[in-house]
Amino acid sequence: MIVVLNPQATEEQIQHIVEKVSKLGLRANISRGTERTVIGLIGPEDVLRVTPLEVFPGVEQVIPVLAPYKLVSREFKKENSIVKINNKIKIGGPKIIMMAGPCAVESRDGLYNIAVEVKKAGATILRGGAFKPRTSPYEFQGLGEEGLKYLKEVGEKLDLAVATEVVDPRHVELVSKYADIFQIGARNMQNFSLLNEVGQTKKPVLLKRGISATIKEWLMSAEYILSKGNFDVILCERGIRTFETATRNTLDINAIPLVKQLSHLPVVVDPSHGTGRWGLVSGVSKAAVAAGCDGLIIEVHDNPEEALSDGTQSLIPENFANLMNDLEKVAQAVGRTMR
């Protein structure tokens, strides 16, 4: 249920409502928009039958939310949410944000060299995996905390924010020391213990869609994070598993405008995992921008042949720079910008 307050509602009136519903066993989540403040209520709403909120001072309207994802829904918040990274980068605004870097952190020098190139081309967020959940237990699993240290060091040196995957609830505190954005990978989209853990932090979360997840399941996973108090969630479409075997996954372009209709959260697209082939990344990236995405996360490696992870889908720096130039034209055509 959503409580819409009138523009003149005072802070005292807002807190009075929060205290009242808390006593009734409901949890209140306040969203302060540019025109309205709304309060989302989570819990057994039937208790409100004996305490109608419409009579409270400052309340303009009480609206039941039909979608199972309450806080994630457009009903809860009409305007687009903007997730701020380090109070400098805004994801969800007019500028389309580029996250780029190697799939896995392999060495300090290698990471630095790639980071220099992606920043030069226009990326503002460095991506790289320190912990790598792999299909095979015999493949490279990442450098762990050593890799996290490299990410933080390179990010600070080049003034790039850092996004990296957290794979275990026990690692949240550790990763939080080094990263600016928690990435929840496709395999962990429904790891509810992990979702609850990152939900209790105040650090932005990039939530990738599961390998075979429906839109509803994806948004319900985001709801877990928001319900714990962390509203800085970025959704990431990275392709789903279908009957098609020509590409690694099938990137669901439909999901971009659909999710933006259903939810106020920003949407980022991963064309690298979505296709699994570097030669397809450029075309799919342009389609994603045209469809309305708020950012892209792309794998870049200066020597894909020797990459320890996902070399076949990684762009070399020159191709990445060319892509950024092409994307600027597409972004301008739809009223956005890349730089």
Protein backbone atom coordinates (compact mmCIF):
# COMPACT_ATOMS: atom_id res chain seq x y z
CA MET A 1 0.00 0.00 0.00
CA ILE A 2 1.19 3.51 -0.80
CA VAL A 3 0.41 6.62 1.20
CA VAL A 4 0.66 9.73 -0.99
CA LEU A 5 1.24 12.90 1.00
CA ASN A 6 0.14 16.34 -0.11
CA PRO A 7 2.85 18.88 -1.00
CA GLN A 8 2.30 20.76 2.26
CA ALA A 9 2.85 17.74 4.50
CA THR A 10 5.27 18.53 7.33
CA GLU A 11 8.08 16.34 8.63
CA GLU A 12 6.18 16.03 11.90
CA GLN A 13 3.12 14.66 10.06
CA ILE A 14 5.28 12.20 8.11
CA GLN A 15 6.92 10.87 11.26
CA HIS A 16 3.54 10.59 12.98
CA ILE A 17 2.31 8.30 10.19
CA VAL A 18 5.51 6.23 10.31
CA GLU A 19 5.22 5.77 14.08
CA LYS A 20 1.56 4.82 13.83
CA VAL A 21 1.98 2.16 11.15
CA SER A 22 5.06 0.78 12.92
CA LYS A 23 2.92 0.12 15.99
CA LEU A 24 0.50 -1.76 13.74
CA GLY A 25 3.30 -4.08 12.61
CA LEU A 26 3.94 -2.46 9.22
CA ARG A 27 7.30 -1.30 7.91
CA ALA A 28 7.35 2.17 6.35
CA ASN A 29 9.67 3.15 3.50
CA ILE A 30 9.76 6.86 2.69
CA SER A 31 10.43 8.05 -0.87
CA ARG A 32 10.90 11.80 -1.28
CA GLY A 33 10.28 12.90 -4.87
CA THR A 34 10.56 16.32 -6.45
CA GLU A 35 6.81 16.92 -6.22
CA ARG A 36 5.49 14.40 -3.71
CA THR A 37 6.59 12.34 -0.76
CA VAL A 38 5.13 8.84 -0.59
CA ILE A 39 5.31 6.18 2.09
CA GLY A 40 5.34 2.53 1.04
CA LEU A 41 3.92 0.14 3.61
CA ILE A 42 5.11 -3.46 3.85
CA GLY A 43 3.28 -6.02 5.95
CA PRO A 44 -0.25 -7.28 6.68
CA GLU A 45 -2.30 -4.38 5.32
CA ASP A 46 -5.60 -5.69 6.69
CA VAL A 47 -4.75 -4.02 10.01
CA LEU A 48 -5.38 -0.68 8.31
CA ARG A 49 -9.07 -1.44 8.09
CA VAL A 50 -9.45 -0.37 11.71
CA THR A 51 -7.09 2.61 11.31
CA PRO A 52 -7.82 4.34 7.97
CA LEU A 53 -4.81 6.43 7.00
CA GLU A 54 -6.89 8.77 4.84
CA VAL A 55 -7.89 10.70 7.96
CA PHE A 56 -4.31 11.47 9.01
CA PRO A 57 -3.07 15.06 8.58
CA GLY A 58 -0.91 15.45 5.47
CA VAL A 59 -2.33 12.42 3.64
CA GLU A 60 -3.69 13.07 0.16
CA GLN A 61 -4.42 9.54 -1.02
CA VAL A 62 -3.96 5.89 -0.06
CA ILE A 63 -3.37 3.53 -3.00
CA PRO A 64 -3.24 -0.27 -2.90
CA VAL A 65 -0.33 -1.74 -4.88
CA LEU A 66 -1.40 -4.62 -7.10
CA ALA A 67 2.10 -5.70 -8.20
CA PRO A 68 3.82 -8.20 -5.89
CA TYR A 69 6.96 -6.06 -6.03
CA LYS A 70 5.74 -3.09 -3.99
CA LEU A 71 8.76 -0.81 -3.55
CA VAL A 72 10.20 -1.55 -7.00
CA SER A 73 6.97 -0.68 -8.82
CA ARG A 74 6.02 2.49 -10.70
CA GLU A 75 2.99 2.65 -8.43
CA PHE A 76 5.31 3.33 -5.51
CA LYS A 77 7.39 5.89 -7.38
CA LYS A 78 6.29 7.53 -10.63
CA GLU A 79 9.55 9.29 -11.45
CA ASN A 80 12.76 7.52 -12.45
CA SER A 81 15.16 6.73 -9.63
CA ILE A 82 18.70 8.01 -10.04
CA VAL A 83 21.41 6.01 -8.33
CA LYS A 84 24.41 8.10 -7.33
CA ILE A 85 27.88 6.58 -7.23
CA ASN A 86 30.29 8.47 -4.97
CA ASN A 87 28.05 11.55 -5.37
CA LYS A 88 29.60 12.06 -8.84
CA ILE A 89 28.15 9.51 -11.23
CA LYS A 90 24.39 9.40 -11.77
CA ILE A 91 22.81 6.29 -13.27
CA GLY A 92 19.28 6.87 -14.52
CA GLY A 93 19.64 10.44 -15.78
CA PRO A 94 20.16 11.81 -19.31
CA LYS A 95 23.72 10.49 -19.52
CA ILE A 96 24.17 6.81 -20.39
CA ILE A 97 26.85 5.44 -18.09
CA MET A 98 29.57 3.12 -19.36
CA MET A 99 31.07 0.43 -17.14
CA ALA A 100 34.03 -1.35 -18.73
CA GLY A 101 37.01 -3.51 -17.91
CA PRO A 102 38.19 -7.12 -17.91
CA CYS A 103 35.93 -9.99 -16.94
CA ALA A 104 38.44 -11.00 -14.27
CA VAL A 105 41.24 -9.12 -12.52
CA GLU A 106 44.38 -10.98 -13.58
CA SER A 107 47.18 -8.66 -12.45
CA ARG A 108 47.76 -5.11 -11.21
CA ASP A 109 49.56 -3.92 -14.35
CA GLY A 110 47.11 -5.63 -16.69
CA LEU A 111 44.14 -4.05 -14.93
CA TYR A 112 45.77 -0.63 -14.94
CA ASN A 113 46.55 -0.75 -18.65
CA ILE A 114 42.99 -1.69 -19.54
CA ALA A 115 41.55 0.92 -17.15
CA VAL A 116 43.60 3.67 -18.78
CA GLU A 117 42.15 2.77 -22.18
CA VAL A 118 38.52 2.51 -21.13
CA LYS A 119 38.68 5.81 -19.25
CA LYS A 120 40.25 7.50 -22.27
CA ALA A 121 37.32 6.26 -24.37
CA GLY A 122 34.72 7.60 -21.93
CA ALA A 123 34.00 4.93 -19.29
CA THR A 124 33.44 6.22 -15.76
CA ILE A 125 33.13 2.89 -13.92
CA LEU A 126 35.77 0.15 -13.91
CA ARG A 127 34.36 -3.38 -13.84
CA GLY A 128 36.37 -6.47 -12.98
CA GLY A 129 35.86 -9.69 -11.06
CA ALA A 130 37.95 -10.54 -8.02
CA PHE A 131 35.75 -13.54 -7.16
CA LYS A 132 34.70 -15.48 -10.26
CA PRO A 133 31.94 -18.10 -9.97
CA ARG A 134 32.61 -20.40 -12.93
CA THR A 135 30.65 -23.27 -14.44
CA SER A 136 33.69 -25.52 -14.04
CA PRO A 137 35.49 -25.79 -10.68
CA TYR A 138 38.78 -26.18 -12.58
CA GLU A 139 38.65 -22.76 -14.29
CA PHE A 140 40.21 -19.56 -12.94
CA GLN A 141 38.24 -18.45 -9.87
CA GLY A 142 39.72 -14.98 -9.40
CA LEU A 143 42.38 -13.43 -7.17
CA GLY A 144 40.09 -12.78 -4.22
CA GLU A 145 41.07 -9.96 -1.87
CA GLU A 146 44.28 -9.33 -3.81
CA GLY A 147 42.14 -8.56 -6.86
CA LEU A 148 39.94 -6.26 -4.79
CA LYS A 149 43.00 -4.31 -3.70
CA TYR A 150 44.10 -3.89 -7.33
CA LEU A 151 40.64 -2.62 -8.27
CA LYS A 152 40.59 -0.03 -5.50
CA GLU A 153 44.14 1.09 -6.21
CA VAL A 154 43.58 1.50 -9.96
CA GLY A 155 40.16 3.09 -9.47
CA GLU A 156 41.53 5.72 -7.10
CA LYS A 157 44.55 6.42 -9.30
CA LEU A 158 42.41 7.00 -12.41
CA ASP A 159 39.34 8.46 -10.66
CA LEU A 160 37.10 5.59 -11.74
CA ALA A 161 34.35 4.09 -9.62
CA VAL A 162 34.68 0.32 -9.12
CA ALA A 163 32.06 -2.39 -9.67
CA THR A 164 32.81 -5.99 -8.73
CA GLU A 165 30.86 -9.13 -8.00
CA VAL A 166 30.08 -10.38 -4.52
CA VAL A 167 29.21 -14.08 -4.48
CA ASP A 168 28.79 -14.93 -0.81
CA PRO A 169 27.00 -13.18 2.09
CA ARG A 170 30.18 -13.66 4.12
CA HIS A 171 32.12 -11.55 1.59
CA VAL A 172 29.84 -8.48 1.67
CA GLU A 173 31.81 -6.67 4.36
CA LEU A 174 35.11 -7.45 2.66
CA VAL A 175 34.00 -6.35 -0.81
CA SER A 176 32.43 -3.22 0.67
CA LYS A 177 35.88 -2.04 1.78
CA TYR A 178 37.15 -1.92 -1.79
CA ALA A 179 34.23 -1.52 -4.22
CA ASP A 180 31.77 1.29 -4.97
CA ILE A 181 29.13 -1.01 -6.46
CA PHE A 182 28.15 -4.55 -5.48
CA GLN A 183 27.44 -6.71 -8.51
CA ILE A 184 25.08 -9.62 -7.99
CA GLY A 185 25.68 -12.11 -10.79
CA ALA A 186 23.04 -14.04 -12.72
CA ARG A 187 23.68 -17.24 -10.75
CA ASN A 188 23.04 -15.39 -7.49
CA MET A 189 19.94 -13.42 -8.49
CA GLN A 190 17.83 -15.58 -6.17
CA ASN A 191 20.43 -16.04 -3.45
CA PHE A 192 18.11 -14.44 -0.93
CA SER A 193 20.62 -14.49 1.92
CA LEU A 194 23.00 -12.47 -0.26
CA LEU A 195 20.23 -10.09 -1.36
CA ASN A 196 19.24 -9.47 2.25
CA GLU A 197 22.86 -8.84 3.20
CA VAL A 198 23.54 -6.22 0.52
CA GLY A 199 20.11 -4.74 1.25
CA GLN A 200 21.32 -3.83 4.72
CA THR A 201 24.20 -1.80 3.32
CA LYS A 202 24.04 1.68 1.82
CA LYS A 203 26.16 0.76 -1.19
CA PRO A 204 24.66 0.62 -4.72
CA VAL A 205 23.82 -2.83 -6.08
CA LEU A 206 23.93 -3.93 -9.73
CA LEU A 207 21.46 -6.83 -9.92
CA LYS A 208 21.84 -9.06 -12.97
CA ARG A 209 18.89 -10.98 -14.32
CA GLY A 210 19.09 -14.72 -13.73
CA ILE A 211 19.89 -17.14 -16.51
CA SER A 212 16.27 -18.30 -16.85
CA ALA A 213 14.51 -15.68 -14.74
CA THR A 214 11.23 -14.06 -15.69
CA ILE A 215 10.80 -10.30 -15.43
CA LYS A 216 8.65 -10.81 -12.33
CA GLU A 217 11.26 -12.98 -10.62
CA TRP A 218 13.96 -10.41 -11.41
CA LEU A 219 11.93 -7.56 -9.95
CA MET A 220 11.02 -9.63 -6.90
CA SER A 221 14.74 -10.17 -6.26
CA ALA A 222 15.21 -6.40 -6.40
CA GLU A 223 12.33 -6.10 -3.94
CA TYR A 224 14.34 -8.12 -1.40
CA ILE A 225 17.08 -5.50 -1.49
CA LEU A 226 14.74 -2.50 -1.30
CA SER A 227 12.71 -4.08 1.49
CA LYS A 228 15.84 -4.08 3.64
CA GLY A 229 16.25 -0.32 3.15
CA ASN A 230 18.71 -0.10 0.25
CA PHE A 231 17.01 1.75 -2.64
CA ASP A 232 20.20 2.16 -4.71
CA VAL A 233 19.54 -0.77 -7.02
CA ILE A 234 20.46 -0.93 -10.71
CA LEU A 235 18.87 -3.67 -12.79
CA CYS A 236 21.06 -5.40 -15.40
CA GLU A 237 19.71 -7.32 -18.39
CA ARG A 238 22.45 -9.77 -19.45
CA GLY A 239 20.64 -12.25 -21.64
CA ILE A 240 18.60 -15.32 -20.80
CA ARG A 241 18.91 -18.97 -21.73
CA THR A 242 16.71 -20.02 -24.65
CA PHE A 243 16.71 -22.81 -27.25
CA GLU A 244 19.16 -20.79 -29.39
CA THR A 245 22.75 -22.07 -29.39
CA ALA A 246 24.35 -19.67 -31.89
CA THR A 247 25.00 -17.16 -29.11
CA ARG A 248 25.91 -17.61 -25.47
CA ASN A 249 22.56 -16.16 -24.33
CA THR A 250 19.61 -14.36 -25.89
CA LEU A 251 19.67 -10.68 -24.93
CA ASP A 252 16.10 -9.63 -24.13
CA ILE A 253 15.81 -6.18 -25.70
CA ASN A 254 12.09 -6.23 -24.85
CA ALA A 255 13.00 -6.23 -21.18
CA ILE A 256 14.51 -2.73 -21.31
CA PRO A 257 11.37 -0.68 -22.14
CA LEU A 258 9.12 -3.15 -20.32
CA VAL A 259 10.99 -2.96 -17.03
CA LYS A 260 11.16 0.82 -17.28
CA GLN A 261 7.36 0.80 -17.55
CA LEU A 262 6.97 -1.51 -14.56
CA SER A 263 9.71 -0.09 -12.32
CA HIS A 264 11.37 3.21 -11.43
CA LEU A 265 14.82 1.59 -11.14
CA PRO A 266 17.53 2.28 -13.76
CA VAL A 267 18.34 -0.45 -16.27
CA VAL A 268 21.84 -1.36 -17.49
CA VAL A 269 22.59 -3.85 -20.28
CA ASP A 270 25.45 -6.36 -20.54
CA PRO A 271 25.94 -7.11 -24.26
CA SER A 272 29.13 -9.10 -23.58
CA HIS A 273 27.38 -11.89 -21.65
CA GLY A 274 24.22 -11.31 -23.66
CA THR A 275 25.92 -12.48 -26.85
CA GLY A 276 29.16 -14.20 -25.84
CA ARG A 277 30.77 -13.00 -29.08
CA TRP A 278 32.78 -9.80 -29.34
CA GLY A 279 31.69 -9.22 -32.93
CA LEU A 280 28.06 -8.86 -31.81
CA VAL A 281 28.68 -6.52 -28.87
CA SER A 282 28.65 -3.33 -30.94
CA GLY A 283 25.32 -3.93 -32.68
CA VAL A 284 23.56 -5.11 -29.54
CA SER A 285 24.92 -2.14 -27.55
CA LYS A 286 23.43 0.27 -30.09
CA ALA A 287 20.09 -1.53 -29.90
CA ALA A 288 20.14 -1.32 -26.10
CA VAL A 289 20.76 2.42 -26.16
CA ALA A 290 17.98 2.90 -28.70
CA ALA A 291 15.65 0.83 -26.49
CA GLY A 292 16.24 3.16 -23.53
CA CYS A 293 18.91 1.62 -21.29
CA ASP A 294 20.61 3.83 -18.70
CA GLY A 295 24.03 2.24 -19.01
CA LEU A 296 26.16 -0.53 -20.49
CA ILE A 297 28.63 -2.90 -18.88
CA ILE A 298 31.17 -4.20 -21.40
CA GLU A 299 34.15 -6.50 -21.11
CA VAL A 300 37.41 -5.08 -22.48
CA HIS A 301 40.78 -6.82 -22.60
CA ASP A 302 44.02 -5.79 -24.29
CA ASN A 303 44.88 -9.39 -25.18
CA PRO A 304 41.69 -11.47 -25.38
CA GLU A 305 43.60 -14.52 -26.66
CA GLU A 306 45.37 -14.76 -23.31
CA ALA A 307 42.43 -13.71 -21.11
CA LEU A 308 41.80 -16.03 -18.18
CA SER A 309 38.04 -15.51 -18.47
CA ASP A 310 35.62 -14.70 -21.33
CA GLY A 311 38.18 -13.64 -23.91
CA THR A 312 35.83 -14.53 -26.78
CA GLN A 313 33.38 -11.80 -25.79
CA SER A 314 35.89 -9.10 -24.85
CA LEU A 315 36.56 -6.05 -27.00
CA ILE A 316 40.10 -4.81 -27.53
CA PRO A 317 40.56 -1.15 -26.46
CA GLU A 318 40.54 0.15 -30.05
CA ASN A 319 37.20 -1.46 -30.79
CA PHE A 320 35.81 -0.20 -27.50
CA ALA A 321 36.82 3.38 -28.35
CA ASN A 322 35.19 3.07 -31.78
CA LEU A 323 32.03 1.74 -30.15
CA MET A 324 31.86 4.71 -27.77
CA ASN A 325 31.98 7.09 -30.74
CA ASP A 326 29.19 5.18 -32.51
CA LEU A 327 27.06 5.03 -29.37
CA GLU A 328 27.25 8.80 -28.96
CA LYS A 329 25.39 9.19 -32.25
CA VAL A 330 22.67 6.72 -31.22
CA ALA A 331 22.34 8.36 -27.81
CA GLN A 332 21.89 11.81 -29.33
CA ALA A 333 19.19 10.43 -31.64
CA VAL A 334 17.13 9.38 -28.61
CA GLY A 335 17.82 12.50 -26.58
CA ARG A 336 20.62 11.09 -24.42
CA THR A 337 24.39 11.46 -24.20
CA MET A 338 27.36 9.15 -23.58
CA ARG A 339 29.82 11.76 -22.30
